[in-house]
Amino acid sequence: MNTFCKVALSLLLPIAVPGGAFGDQTGQIRGIVADETGGALPGVLVTARSPNLQGSRTAVSDPKGLFRLPLLPVGTHDVTFELQGFERTTLTGSEVRLGYTASLSVALKLAPFGEQIMVTAED
């Protein structure tokens, strides 16, 4: 191979394979949300927060209770689960590593009922 071809290949190779040299700089968290009996909970708002993440990243669990938070920066994340009628739950220190999928399983507890006042009328 002549010198010109070697120089051309060395200049074009980094352009042709941009992701291969640098790799993925993120990971993800996937999981399932259920109630205390193991029943899937659809519609749960799942929020990840981290000092390495500007703002927060959210997802909503599907009909099978599954959720996915992709493209999270490497580091530890606090993941919060919220659904009306259930206690808000936060898992702290969920670790996201480079190119890794962390798995979480969460069982939400029913929210305690508020104080009830019954009013009856006398006849």
PDB file of N, CA and C in Angstrom:
ATOM      1  N   MET A   1       0.851  -1.163   0.000  1.00  0.00           N
ATOM      2  CA  MET A   1       0.000   0.000   0.000  1.00  0.00           C
ATOM      3  C   MET A   1       0.900   1.229   0.000  1.00  0.00           C
ATOM      4  N   ASN A   2       0.565   2.182  -0.833  1.00  0.00           N
ATOM      5  CA  ASN A   2       1.416   3.368  -0.910  1.00  0.00           C
ATOM      6  C   ASN A   2       1.136   4.339   0.234  1.00  0.00           C
ATOM      7  N   THR A   3       1.992   5.304   0.387  1.00  0.00           N
ATOM      8  CA  THR A   3       1.922   6.252   1.489  1.00  0.00           C
ATOM      9  C   THR A   3       0.642   7.084   1.443  1.00  0.00           C
ATOM     10  N   PHE A   4       0.217   7.467   0.257  1.00  0.00           N
ATOM     11  CA  PHE A   4      -0.994   8.263   0.120  1.00  0.00           C
ATOM     12  C   PHE A   4      -2.205   7.515   0.670  1.00  0.00           C
ATOM     13  N   CYS A   5      -2.342   6.239   0.346  1.00  0.00           N
ATOM     14  CA  CYS A   5      -3.474   5.431   0.823  1.00  0.00           C
ATOM     15  C   CYS A   5      -3.433   5.292   2.343  1.00  0.00           C
ATOM     16  N   LYS A   6      -2.257   5.094   2.906  1.00  0.00           N
ATOM     17  CA  LYS A   6      -2.131   4.970   4.363  1.00  0.00           C
ATOM     18  C   LYS A   6      -2.554   6.264   5.061  1.00  0.00           C
ATOM     19  N   VAL A   7      -2.123   7.404   4.530  1.00  0.00           N
ATOM     20  CA  VAL A   7      -2.492   8.691   5.127  1.00  0.00           C
ATOM     21  C   VAL A   7      -3.996   8.919   4.993  1.00  0.00           C
ATOM     22  N   ALA A   8      -4.557   8.618   3.833  1.00  0.00           N
ATOM     23  CA  ALA A   8      -5.992   8.812   3.611  1.00  0.00           C
ATOM     24  C   ALA A   8      -6.814   7.938   4.556  1.00  0.00           C
ATOM     25  N   LEU A   9      -6.407   6.676   4.726  1.00  0.00           N
ATOM     26  CA  LEU A   9      -7.118   5.785   5.631  1.00  0.00           C
ATOM     27  C   LEU A   9      -7.015   6.250   7.082  1.00  0.00           C
ATOM     28  N   SER A  10      -5.857   6.724   7.478  1.00  0.00           N
ATOM     29  CA  SER A  10      -5.697   7.175   8.859  1.00  0.00           C
ATOM     30  C   SER A  10      -6.528   8.429   9.145  1.00  0.00           C
ATOM     31  N   LEU A  11      -6.791   9.242   8.123  1.00  0.00           N
ATOM     32  CA  LEU A  11      -7.620  10.427   8.307  1.00  0.00           C
ATOM     33  C   LEU A  11      -9.110  10.113   8.242  1.00  0.00           C
ATOM     34  N   LEU A  12      -9.506   9.150   7.425  1.00  0.00           N
ATOM     35  CA  LEU A  12     -10.909   8.830   7.242  1.00  0.00           C
ATOM     36  C   LEU A  12     -11.448   7.849   8.280  1.00  0.00           C
ATOM     37  N   LEU A  13     -10.616   7.011   8.839  1.00  0.00           N
ATOM     38  CA  LEU A  13     -11.075   5.999   9.783  1.00  0.00           C
ATOM     39  C   LEU A  13     -11.766   6.599  11.014  1.00  0.00           C
ATOM     40  N   PRO A  14     -11.213   7.632  11.654  1.00  0.00           N
ATOM     41  CA  PRO A  14     -11.932   8.211  12.799  1.00  0.00           C
ATOM     42  C   PRO A  14     -13.281   8.818  12.431  1.00  0.00           C
ATOM     43  N   ILE A  15     -13.442   9.291  11.229  1.00  0.00           N
ATOM     44  CA  ILE A  15     -14.712   9.853  10.773  1.00  0.00           C
ATOM     45  C   ILE A  15     -15.710   8.740  10.494  1.00  0.00           C
ATOM     46  N   ALA A  16     -15.248   7.642   9.921  1.00  0.00           N
ATOM     47  CA  ALA A  16     -16.121   6.538   9.553  1.00  0.00           C
ATOM     48  C   ALA A  16     -16.644   5.779  10.779  1.00  0.00           C
ATOM     49  N   VAL A  17     -15.883   5.751  11.857  1.00  0.00           N
ATOM     50  CA  VAL A  17     -16.275   5.004  13.049  1.00  0.00           C
ATOM     51  C   VAL A  17     -16.221   5.923  14.269  1.00  0.00           C
ATOM     52  N   PRO A  18     -17.106   6.914  14.350  1.00  0.00           N
ATOM     53  CA  PRO A  18     -17.029   7.847  15.464  1.00  0.00           C
ATOM     54  C   PRO A  18     -17.395   7.237  16.816  1.00  0.00           C
ATOM     55  N   GLY A  19     -18.385   6.370  16.866  1.00  0.00           N
ATOM     56  CA  GLY A  19     -18.813   5.793  18.131  1.00  0.00           C
ATOM     57  C   GLY A  19     -17.863   4.728  18.649  1.00  0.00           C
ATOM     58  N   GLY A  20     -17.185   4.047  17.777  1.00  0.00           N
ATOM     59  CA  GLY A  20     -16.316   2.955  18.184  1.00  0.00           C
ATOM     60  C   GLY A  20     -15.141   3.412  19.014  1.00  0.00           C
ATOM     61  N   ALA A  21     -14.602   4.555  18.699  1.00  0.00           N
ATOM     62  CA  ALA A  21     -13.427   5.022  19.412  1.00  0.00           C
ATOM     63  C   ALA A  21     -13.774   5.587  20.782  1.00  0.00           C
ATOM     64  N   PHE A  22     -14.936   6.202  20.894  1.00  0.00           N
ATOM     65  CA  PHE A  22     -15.279   6.876  22.134  1.00  0.00           C
ATOM     66  C   PHE A  22     -16.285   6.105  22.976  1.00  0.00           C
ATOM     67  N   GLY A  23     -17.100   5.265  22.357  1.00  0.00           N
ATOM     68  CA  GLY A  23     -18.057   4.453  23.087  1.00  0.00           C
ATOM     69  C   GLY A  23     -19.215   5.250  23.655  1.00  0.00           C
ATOM     70  N   ASP A  24     -20.090   4.532  24.292  1.00  0.00           N
ATOM     71  CA  ASP A  24     -21.276   5.110  24.897  1.00  0.00           C
ATOM     72  C   ASP A  24     -20.921   5.657  26.271  1.00  0.00           C
ATOM     73  N   GLN A  25     -21.352   6.850  26.595  1.00  0.00           N
ATOM     74  CA  GLN A  25     -21.034   7.481  27.875  1.00  0.00           C
ATOM     75  C   GLN A  25     -22.222   7.424  28.843  1.00  0.00           C
ATOM     76  N   THR A  26     -23.162   6.527  28.580  1.00  0.00           N
ATOM     77  CA  THR A  26     -24.367   6.446  29.404  1.00  0.00           C
ATOM     78  C   THR A  26     -24.688   5.003  29.758  1.00  0.00           C
ATOM     79  N   GLY A  27     -25.658   4.861  30.605  1.00  0.00           N
ATOM     80  CA  GLY A  27     -26.228   3.569  30.955  1.00  0.00           C
ATOM     81  C   GLY A  27     -27.724   3.754  31.077  1.00  0.00           C
ATOM     82  N   GLN A  28     -28.412   2.755  31.617  1.00  0.00           N
ATOM     83  CA  GLN A  28     -29.858   2.896  31.761  1.00  0.00           C
ATOM     84  C   GLN A  28     -30.363   2.117  32.967  1.00  0.00           C
ATOM     85  N   ILE A  29     -31.569   2.445  33.373  1.00  0.00           N
ATOM     86  CA  ILE A  29     -32.238   1.727  34.447  1.00  0.00           C
ATOM     87  C   ILE A  29     -33.552   1.208  33.881  1.00  0.00           C
ATOM     88  N   ARG A  30     -33.789  -0.060  34.069  1.00  0.00           N
ATOM     89  CA  ARG A  30     -35.054  -0.690  33.690  1.00  0.00           C
ATOM     90  C   ARG A  30     -35.619  -1.386  34.909  1.00  0.00           C
ATOM     91  N   GLY A  31     -36.904  -1.646  34.879  1.00  0.00           N
ATOM     92  CA  GLY A  31     -37.464  -2.374  36.002  1.00  0.00           C
ATOM     93  C   GLY A  31     -38.946  -2.579  35.909  1.00  0.00           C
ATOM     94  N   ILE A  32     -39.494  -3.023  37.034  1.00  0.00           N
ATOM     95  CA  ILE A  32     -40.924  -3.305  37.121  1.00  0.00           C
ATOM     96  C   ILE A  32     -41.452  -2.738  38.428  1.00  0.00           C
ATOM     97  N   VAL A  33     -42.676  -2.214  38.358  1.00  0.00           N
ATOM     98  CA  VAL A  33     -43.342  -1.655  39.532  1.00  0.00           C
ATOM     99  C   VAL A  33     -44.611  -2.470  39.771  1.00  0.00           C
ATOM    100  N   ALA A  34     -44.777  -2.900  41.018  1.00  0.00           N
ATOM    101  CA  ALA A  34     -45.939  -3.697  41.383  1.00  0.00           C
ATOM    102  C   ALA A  34     -46.522  -3.168  42.684  1.00  0.00           C
ATOM    103  N   ASP A  35     -47.708  -3.694  43.040  1.00  0.00           N
ATOM    104  CA  ASP A  35     -48.263  -3.380  44.351  1.00  0.00           C
ATOM    105  C   ASP A  35     -47.754  -4.428  45.339  1.00  0.00           C
ATOM    106  N   GLU A  36     -48.199  -4.355  46.576  1.00  0.00           N
ATOM    107  CA  GLU A  36     -47.702  -5.268  47.609  1.00  0.00           C
ATOM    108  C   GLU A  36     -48.064  -6.729  47.358  1.00  0.00           C
ATOM    109  N   THR A  37     -49.100  -6.974  46.554  1.00  0.00           N
ATOM    110  CA  THR A  37     -49.499  -8.344  46.253  1.00  0.00           C
ATOM    111  C   THR A  37     -48.791  -8.895  45.016  1.00  0.00           C
ATOM    112  N   GLY A  38     -47.985  -8.053  44.356  1.00  0.00           N
ATOM    113  CA  GLY A  38     -47.265  -8.495  43.162  1.00  0.00           C
ATOM    114  C   GLY A  38     -47.956  -8.139  41.862  1.00  0.00           C
ATOM    115  N   GLY A  39     -49.099  -7.482  41.939  1.00  0.00           N
ATOM    116  CA  GLY A  39     -49.816  -7.072  40.730  1.00  0.00           C
ATOM    117  C   GLY A  39     -49.132  -5.893  40.051  1.00  0.00           C
ATOM    118  N   ALA A  40     -49.030  -5.949  38.743  1.00  0.00           N
ATOM    119  CA  ALA A  40     -48.383  -4.882  37.975  1.00  0.00           C
ATOM    120  C   ALA A  40     -49.109  -3.558  38.160  1.00  0.00           C
ATOM    121  N   LEU A  41     -48.333  -2.476  38.235  1.00  0.00           N
ATOM    122  CA  LEU A  41     -48.906  -1.136  38.369  1.00  0.00           C
ATOM    123  C   LEU A  41     -48.589  -0.302  37.125  1.00  0.00           C
ATOM    124  N   PRO A  42     -49.563  -0.117  36.245  1.00  0.00           N
ATOM    125  CA  PRO A  42     -49.364   0.773  35.106  1.00  0.00           C
ATOM    126  C   PRO A  42     -49.525   2.225  35.526  1.00  0.00           C
ATOM    127  N   GLY A  43     -48.925   3.130  34.780  1.00  0.00           N
ATOM    128  CA  GLY A  43     -49.113   4.557  35.003  1.00  0.00           C
ATOM    129  C   GLY A  43     -48.300   5.157  36.129  1.00  0.00           C
ATOM    130  N   VAL A  44     -47.317   4.422  36.643  1.00  0.00           N
ATOM    131  CA  VAL A  44     -46.471   4.956  37.714  1.00  0.00           C
ATOM    132  C   VAL A  44     -45.469   5.927  37.106  1.00  0.00           C
ATOM    133  N   LEU A  45     -45.377   7.123  37.677  1.00  0.00           N
ATOM    134  CA  LEU A  45     -44.386   8.101  37.245  1.00  0.00           C
ATOM    135  C   LEU A  45     -43.058   7.737  37.903  1.00  0.00           C
ATOM    136  N   VAL A  46     -42.044   7.464  37.087  1.00  0.00           N
ATOM    137  CA  VAL A  46     -40.720   7.078  37.573  1.00  0.00           C
ATOM    138  C   VAL A  46     -39.767   8.216  37.217  1.00  0.00           C
ATOM    139  N   THR A  47     -39.084   8.763  38.224  1.00  0.00           N
ATOM    140  CA  THR A  47     -38.208   9.920  38.022  1.00  0.00           C
ATOM    141  C   THR A  47     -36.821   9.625  38.555  1.00  0.00           C
ATOM    142  N   ALA A  48     -35.805   9.843  37.712  1.00  0.00           N
ATOM    143  CA  ALA A  48     -34.402   9.678  38.127  1.00  0.00           C
ATOM    144  C   ALA A  48     -33.779  11.055  38.288  1.00  0.00           C
ATOM    145  N   ARG A  49     -33.029  11.203  39.393  1.00  0.00           N
ATOM    146  CA  ARG A  49     -32.295  12.448  39.659  1.00  0.00           C
ATOM    147  C   ARG A  49     -30.877  12.090  40.055  1.00  0.00           C
ATOM    148  N   SER A  50     -29.929  12.940  39.661  1.00  0.00           N
ATOM    149  CA  SER A  50     -28.528  12.713  39.971  1.00  0.00           C
ATOM    150  C   SER A  50     -27.775  14.027  39.839  1.00  0.00           C
ATOM    151  N   PRO A  51     -26.685  14.189  40.608  1.00  0.00           N
ATOM    152  CA  PRO A  51     -25.848  15.375  40.421  1.00  0.00           C
ATOM    153  C   PRO A  51     -25.236  15.412  39.012  1.00  0.00           C
ATOM    154  N   ASN A  52     -25.115  14.251  38.368  1.00  0.00           N
ATOM    155  CA  ASN A  52     -24.543  14.173  37.025  1.00  0.00           C
ATOM    156  C   ASN A  52     -25.570  14.421  35.919  1.00  0.00           C
ATOM    157  N   LEU A  53     -26.826  14.598  36.309  1.00  0.00           N
ATOM    158  CA  LEU A  53     -27.911  14.760  35.345  1.00  0.00           C
ATOM    159  C   LEU A  53     -28.506  16.148  35.511  1.00  0.00           C
ATOM    160  N   GLN A  54     -28.554  16.897  34.418  1.00  0.00           N
ATOM    161  CA  GLN A  54     -29.189  18.218  34.481  1.00  0.00           C
ATOM    162  C   GLN A  54     -30.690  18.008  34.562  1.00  0.00           C
ATOM    163  N   GLY A  55     -31.308  18.487  35.636  1.00  0.00           N
ATOM    164  CA  GLY A  55     -32.744  18.284  35.804  1.00  0.00           C
ATOM    165  C   GLY A  55     -33.030  16.859  36.223  1.00  0.00           C
ATOM    166  N   SER A  56     -34.038  16.258  35.593  1.00  0.00           N
ATOM    167  CA  SER A  56     -34.405  14.884  35.911  1.00  0.00           C
ATOM    168  C   SER A  56     -34.822  14.165  34.636  1.00  0.00           C
ATOM    169  N   ARG A  57     -34.916  12.857  34.714  1.00  0.00           N
ATOM    170  CA  ARG A  57     -35.374  12.034  33.588  1.00  0.00           C
ATOM    171  C   ARG A  57     -36.576  11.255  34.079  1.00  0.00           C
ATOM    172  N   THR A  58     -37.659  11.225  33.293  1.00  0.00           N
ATOM    173  CA  THR A  58     -38.884  10.551  33.720  1.00  0.00           C
ATOM    174  C   THR A  58     -39.339   9.503  32.711  1.00  0.00           C
ATOM    175  N   ALA A  59     -40.111   8.572  33.231  1.00  0.00           N
ATOM    176  CA  ALA A  59     -40.763   7.551  32.418  1.00  0.00           C
ATOM    177  C   ALA A  59     -42.063   7.187  33.121  1.00  0.00           C
ATOM    178  N   VAL A  60     -42.938   6.502  32.417  1.00  0.00           N
ATOM    179  CA  VAL A  60     -44.197   6.027  32.992  1.00  0.00           C
ATOM    180  C   VAL A  60     -44.266   4.527  32.749  1.00  0.00           C
ATOM    181  N   SER A  61     -44.647   3.780  33.793  1.00  0.00           N
ATOM    182  CA  SER A  61     -44.715   2.324  33.650  1.00  0.00           C
ATOM    183  C   SER A  61     -45.850   1.936  32.697  1.00  0.00           C
ATOM    184  N   ASP A  62     -45.605   0.877  31.938  1.00  0.00           N
ATOM    185  CA  ASP A  62     -46.572   0.409  30.945  1.00  0.00           C
ATOM    186  C   ASP A  62     -47.614  -0.507  31.608  1.00  0.00           C
ATOM    187  N   PRO A  63     -48.558  -1.081  30.845  1.00  0.00           N
ATOM    188  CA  PRO A  63     -49.598  -1.927  31.441  1.00  0.00           C
ATOM    189  C   PRO A  63     -49.066  -3.137  32.219  1.00  0.00           C
ATOM    190  N   LYS A  64     -47.843  -3.558  31.939  1.00  0.00           N
ATOM    191  CA  LYS A  64     -47.248  -4.681  32.671  1.00  0.00           C
ATOM    192  C   LYS A  64     -46.401  -4.201  33.848  1.00  0.00           C
ATOM    193  N   GLY A  65     -46.397  -2.874  34.104  1.00  0.00           N
ATOM    194  CA  GLY A  65     -45.611  -2.314  35.196  1.00  0.00           C
ATOM    195  C   GLY A  65     -44.152  -2.078  34.854  1.00  0.00           C
ATOM    196  N   LEU A  66     -43.788  -2.265  33.593  1.00  0.00           N
ATOM    197  CA  LEU A  66     -42.393  -2.105  33.164  1.00  0.00           C
ATOM    198  C   LEU A  66     -42.070  -0.646  32.866  1.00  0.00           C
ATOM    199  N   PHE A  67     -40.839  -0.241  33.177  1.00  0.00           N
ATOM    200  CA  PHE A  67     -40.380   1.101  32.852  1.00  0.00           C
ATOM    201  C   PHE A  67     -38.941   1.034  32.373  1.00  0.00           C
ATOM    202  N   ARG A  68     -38.521   2.104  31.684  1.00  0.00           N
ATOM    203  CA  ARG A  68     -37.156   2.196  31.164  1.00  0.00           C
ATOM    204  C   ARG A  68     -36.709   3.647  31.177  1.00  0.00           C
ATOM    205  N   LEU A  69     -35.539   3.900  31.771  1.00  0.00           N
ATOM    206  CA  LEU A  69     -34.924   5.229  31.795  1.00  0.00           C
ATOM    207  C   LEU A  69     -33.597   5.129  31.034  1.00  0.00           C
ATOM    208  N   PRO A  70     -33.598   5.419  29.738  1.00  0.00           N
ATOM    209  CA  PRO A  70     -32.368   5.284  28.943  1.00  0.00           C
ATOM    210  C   PRO A  70     -31.479   6.525  29.018  1.00  0.00           C
ATOM    211  N   LEU A  71     -30.270   6.383  28.534  1.00  0.00           N
ATOM    212  CA  LEU A  71     -29.323   7.491  28.361  1.00  0.00           C
ATOM    213  C   LEU A  71     -29.064   8.277  29.647  1.00  0.00           C
ATOM    214  N   LEU A  72     -28.908   7.568  30.746  1.00  0.00           N
ATOM    215  CA  LEU A  72     -28.573   8.213  32.011  1.00  0.00           C
ATOM    216  C   LEU A  72     -27.059   8.340  32.125  1.00  0.00           C
ATOM    217  N   PRO A  73     -26.562   9.469  32.617  1.00  0.00           N
ATOM    218  CA  PRO A  73     -25.116   9.610  32.782  1.00  0.00           C
ATOM    219  C   PRO A  73     -24.606   8.659  33.869  1.00  0.00           C
ATOM    220  N   VAL A  74     -23.369   8.266  33.741  1.00  0.00           N
ATOM    221  CA  VAL A  74     -22.732   7.373  34.702  1.00  0.00           C
ATOM    222  C   VAL A  74     -22.726   8.024  36.082  1.00  0.00           C
ATOM    223  N   GLY A  75     -23.006   7.253  37.115  1.00  0.00           N
ATOM    224  CA  GLY A  75     -23.021   7.748  38.486  1.00  0.00           C
ATOM    225  C   GLY A  75     -24.193   7.165  39.251  1.00  0.00           C
ATOM    226  N   THR A  76     -24.421   7.675  40.462  1.00  0.00           N
ATOM    227  CA  THR A  76     -25.541   7.193  41.260  1.00  0.00           C
ATOM    228  C   THR A  76     -26.758   8.085  41.042  1.00  0.00           C
ATOM    229  N   HIS A  77     -27.910   7.457  41.075  1.00  0.00           N
ATOM    230  CA  HIS A  77     -29.180   8.133  40.823  1.00  0.00           C
ATOM    231  C   HIS A  77     -30.165   7.785  41.918  1.00  0.00           C
ATOM    232  N   ASP A  78     -31.011   8.740  42.254  1.00  0.00           N
ATOM    233  CA  ASP A  78     -32.147   8.492  43.137  1.00  0.00           C
ATOM    234  C   ASP A  78     -33.362   8.333  42.227  1.00  0.00           C
ATOM    235  N   VAL A  79     -34.096   7.241  42.410  1.00  0.00           N
ATOM    236  CA  VAL A  79     -35.245   6.951  41.554  1.00  0.00           C
ATOM    237  C   VAL A  79     -36.512   6.980  42.412  1.00  0.00           C
ATOM    238  N   THR A  80     -37.462   7.830  42.000  1.00  0.00           N
ATOM    239  CA  THR A  80     -38.709   8.013  42.738  1.00  0.00           C
ATOM    240  C   THR A  80     -39.875   7.443  41.942  1.00  0.00           C
ATOM    241  N   PHE A  81     -40.803   6.784  42.665  1.00  0.00           N
ATOM    242  CA  PHE A  81     -41.972   6.152  42.067  1.00  0.00           C
ATOM    243  C   PHE A  81     -43.219   6.781  42.676  1.00  0.00           C
ATOM    244  N   GLU A  82     -44.129   7.283  41.819  1.00  0.00           N
ATOM    245  CA  GLU A  82     -45.330   7.971  42.296  1.00  0.00           C
ATOM    246  C   GLU A  82     -46.566   7.522  41.524  1.00  0.00           C
ATOM    247  N   LEU A  83     -47.621   7.215  42.273  1.00  0.00           N
ATOM    248  CA  LEU A  83     -48.914   6.882  41.686  1.00  0.00           C
ATOM    249  C   LEU A  83     -49.981   7.225  42.717  1.00  0.00           C
ATOM    250  N   GLN A  84     -51.005   7.917  42.280  1.00  0.00           N
ATOM    251  CA  GLN A  84     -52.074   8.322  43.195  1.00  0.00           C
ATOM    252  C   GLN A  84     -52.651   7.096  43.889  1.00  0.00           C
ATOM    253  N   GLY A  85     -52.827   7.207  45.201  1.00  0.00           N
ATOM    254  CA  GLY A  85     -53.363   6.107  45.988  1.00  0.00           C
ATOM    255  C   GLY A  85     -52.282   5.229  46.608  1.00  0.00           C
ATOM    256  N   PHE A  86     -51.014   5.495  46.248  1.00  0.00           N
ATOM    257  CA  PHE A  86     -49.888   4.727  46.774  1.00  0.00           C
ATOM    258  C   PHE A  86     -48.872   5.664  47.405  1.00  0.00           C
ATOM    259  N   GLU A  87     -48.114   5.138  48.356  1.00  0.00           N
ATOM    260  CA  GLU A  87     -47.065   5.941  48.982  1.00  0.00           C
ATOM    261  C   GLU A  87     -45.948   6.216  47.979  1.00  0.00           C
ATOM    262  N   ARG A  88     -45.456   7.426  47.994  1.00  0.00           N
ATOM    263  CA  ARG A  88     -44.307   7.797  47.160  1.00  0.00           C
ATOM    264  C   ARG A  88     -43.088   7.052  47.702  1.00  0.00           C
ATOM    265  N   THR A  89     -42.333   6.411  46.814  1.00  0.00           N
ATOM    266  CA  THR A  89     -41.177   5.614  47.212  1.00  0.00           C
ATOM    267  C   THR A  89     -39.951   6.100  46.458  1.00  0.00           C
ATOM    268  N   THR A  90     -38.830   6.272  47.173  1.00  0.00           N
ATOM    269  CA  THR A  90     -37.576   6.682  46.539  1.00  0.00           C
ATOM    270  C   THR A  90     -36.483   5.675  46.875  1.00  0.00           C
ATOM    271  N   LEU A  91     -35.827   5.176  45.841  1.00  0.00           N
ATOM    272  CA  LEU A  91     -34.658   4.319  46.013  1.00  0.00           C
ATOM    273  C   LEU A  91     -33.429   5.186  45.779  1.00  0.00           C
ATOM    274  N   THR A  92     -32.552   5.262  46.760  1.00  0.00           N
ATOM    275  CA  THR A  92     -31.368   6.108  46.632  1.00  0.00           C
ATOM    276  C   THR A  92     -30.151   5.270  46.269  1.00  0.00           C
ATOM    277  N   GLY A  93     -29.233   5.894  45.555  1.00  0.00           N
ATOM    278  CA  GLY A  93     -27.959   5.259  45.245  1.00  0.00           C
ATOM    279  C   GLY A  93     -28.002   4.186  44.178  1.00  0.00           C
ATOM    280  N   SER A  94     -28.953   4.250  43.254  1.00  0.00           N
ATOM    281  CA  SER A  94     -28.990   3.283  42.150  1.00  0.00           C
ATOM    282  C   SER A  94     -27.840   3.608  41.201  1.00  0.00           C
ATOM    283  N   GLU A  95     -26.926   2.677  41.054  1.00  0.00           N
ATOM    284  CA  GLU A  95     -25.711   2.937  40.282  1.00  0.00           C
ATOM    285  C   GLU A  95     -25.901   2.641  38.804  1.00  0.00           C
ATOM    286  N   VAL A  96     -25.508   3.616  37.993  1.00  0.00           N
ATOM    287  CA  VAL A  96     -25.513   3.461  36.532  1.00  0.00           C
ATOM    288  C   VAL A  96     -24.066   3.447  36.087  1.00  0.00           C
ATOM    289  N   ARG A  97     -23.716   2.388  35.376  1.00  0.00           N
ATOM    290  CA  ARG A  97     -22.348   2.262  34.871  1.00  0.00           C
ATOM    291  C   ARG A  97     -22.342   2.339  33.349  1.00  0.00           C
ATOM    292  N   LEU A  98     -21.203   2.602  32.811  1.00  0.00           N
ATOM    293  CA  LEU A  98     -21.004   2.780  31.375  1.00  0.00           C
ATOM    294  C   LEU A  98     -21.524   1.573  30.587  1.00  0.00           C
ATOM    295  N   GLY A  99     -22.514   1.801  29.723  1.00  0.00           N
ATOM    296  CA  GLY A  99     -23.055   0.759  28.864  1.00  0.00           C
ATOM    297  C   GLY A  99     -23.810  -0.333  29.606  1.00  0.00           C
ATOM    298  N   TYR A 100     -24.198  -0.103  30.837  1.00  0.00           N
ATOM    299  CA  TYR A 100     -24.797  -1.111  31.709  1.00  0.00           C
ATOM    300  C   TYR A 100     -26.276  -0.817  31.911  1.00  0.00           C
ATOM    301  N   THR A 101     -27.084  -1.877  32.071  1.00  0.00           N
ATOM    302  CA  THR A 101     -28.497  -1.719  32.397  1.00  0.00           C
ATOM    303  C   THR A 101     -28.720  -2.187  33.824  1.00  0.00           C
ATOM    304  N   ALA A 102     -29.058  -1.258  34.705  1.00  0.00           N
ATOM    305  CA  ALA A 102     -29.384  -1.597  36.088  1.00  0.00           C
ATOM    306  C   ALA A 102     -30.851  -2.019  36.140  1.00  0.00           C
ATOM    307  N   SER A 103     -31.153  -3.021  36.957  1.00  0.00           N
ATOM    308  CA  SER A 103     -32.527  -3.511  37.091  1.00  0.00           C
ATOM    309  C   SER A 103     -33.068  -3.210  38.477  1.00  0.00           C
ATOM    310  N   LEU A 104     -34.289  -2.713  38.516  1.00  0.00           N
ATOM    311  CA  LEU A 104     -34.961  -2.416  39.787  1.00  0.00           C
ATOM    312  C   LEU A 104     -36.332  -3.073  39.802  1.00  0.00           C
ATOM    313  N   SER A 105     -36.702  -3.613  40.944  1.00  0.00           N
ATOM    314  CA  SER A 105     -38.059  -4.109  41.180  1.00  0.00           C
ATOM    315  C   SER A 105     -38.573  -3.394  42.417  1.00  0.00           C
ATOM    316  N   VAL A 106     -39.749  -2.787  42.300  1.00  0.00           N
ATOM    317  CA  VAL A 106     -40.291  -1.986  43.392  1.00  0.00           C
ATOM    318  C   VAL A 106     -41.733  -2.398  43.654  1.00  0.00           C
ATOM    319  N   ALA A 107     -42.058  -2.551  44.947  1.00  0.00           N
ATOM    320  CA  ALA A 107     -43.439  -2.803  45.362  1.00  0.00           C
ATOM    321  C   ALA A 107     -43.927  -1.574  46.120  1.00  0.00           C
ATOM    322  N   LEU A 108     -44.944  -0.922  45.574  1.00  0.00           N
ATOM    323  CA  LEU A 108     -45.502   0.267  46.220  1.00  0.00           C
ATOM    324  C   LEU A 108     -46.575  -0.133  47.233  1.00  0.00           C
ATOM    325  N   LYS A 109     -46.582   0.564  48.355  1.00  0.00           N
ATOM    326  CA  LYS A 109     -47.574   0.337  49.404  1.00  0.00           C
ATOM    327  C   LYS A 109     -48.747   1.282  49.196  1.00  0.00           C
ATOM    328  N   LEU A 110     -49.926   0.808  49.546  1.00  0.00           N
ATOM    329  CA  LEU A 110     -51.095   1.678  49.496  1.00  0.00           C
ATOM    330  C   LEU A 110     -50.894   2.840  50.454  1.00  0.00           C
ATOM    331  N   ALA A 111     -51.340   4.011  50.045  1.00  0.00           N
ATOM    332  CA  ALA A 111     -51.247   5.201  50.907  1.00  0.00           C
ATOM    333  C   ALA A 111     -52.235   5.048  52.047  1.00  0.00           C
ATOM    334  N   PRO A 112     -51.843   5.523  53.222  1.00  0.00           N
ATOM    335  CA  PRO A 112     -52.785   5.453  54.350  1.00  0.00           C
ATOM    336  C   PRO A 112     -53.985   6.355  54.078  1.00  0.00           C
ATOM    337  N   PHE A 113     -55.126   5.907  54.522  1.00  0.00           N
ATOM    338  CA  PHE A 113     -56.331   6.711  54.335  1.00  0.00           C
ATOM    339  C   PHE A 113     -56.306   7.870  55.297  1.00  0.00           C
ATOM    340  N   GLY A 114     -56.837   8.990  54.864  1.00  0.00           N
ATOM    341  CA  GLY A 114     -56.929  10.154  55.732  1.00  0.00           C
ATOM    342  C   GLY A 114     -58.001   9.939  56.783  1.00  0.00           C
ATOM    343  N   GLU A 115     -58.041  10.810  57.703  1.00  0.00           N
ATOM    344  CA  GLU A 115     -59.038  10.733  58.759  1.00  0.00           C
ATOM    345  C   GLU A 115     -60.418  10.946  58.161  1.00  0.00           C
ATOM    346  N   GLN A 116     -61.368  10.090  58.543  1.00  0.00           N
ATOM    347  CA  GLN A 116     -62.725  10.205  58.014  1.00  0.00           C
ATOM    348  C   GLN A 116     -63.660  10.708  59.116  1.00  0.00           C
ATOM    349  N   ILE A 117     -64.542  11.598  58.750  1.00  0.00           N
ATOM    350  CA  ILE A 117     -65.537  12.130  59.691  1.00  0.00           C
ATOM    351  C   ILE A 117     -66.915  11.773  59.136  1.00  0.00           C
ATOM    352  N   MET A 118     -67.703  11.119  59.973  1.00  0.00           N
ATOM    353  CA  MET A 118     -69.041  10.732  59.544  1.00  0.00           C
ATOM    354  C   MET A 118     -70.057  11.633  60.255  1.00  0.00           C
ATOM    355  N   VAL A 119     -70.929  12.212  59.492  1.00  0.00           N
ATOM    356  CA  VAL A 119     -71.970  13.089  60.054  1.00  0.00           C
ATOM    357  C   VAL A 119     -73.299  12.399  59.830  1.00  0.00           C
ATOM    358  N   THR A 120     -74.059  12.260  60.916  1.00  0.00           N
ATOM    359  CA  THR A 120     -75.397  11.669  60.808  1.00  0.00           C
ATOM    360  C   THR A 120     -76.426  12.657  61.334  1.00  0.00           C
ATOM    361  N   ALA A 121     -77.590  12.618  60.779  1.00  0.00           N
ATOM    362  CA  ALA A 121     -78.665  13.521  61.203  1.00  0.00           C
ATOM    363  C   ALA A 121     -79.649  12.744  62.069  1.00  0.00           C
ATOM    364  N   GLU A 122     -80.180  13.425  63.084  1.00  0.00           N
ATOM    365  CA  GLU A 122     -81.181  12.799  63.933  1.00  0.00           C
ATOM    366  C   GLU A 122     -82.551  13.041  63.320  1.00  0.00           C
ATOM    367  N   ASP A 123     -83.422  12.051  63.480  1.00  0.00           N
ATOM    368  CA  ASP A 123     -84.786  12.187  62.957  1.00  0.00           C
ATOM    369  C   ASP A 123     -85.643  12.994  63.856  1.00  0.00           C
TER     370      ASP A 123
END
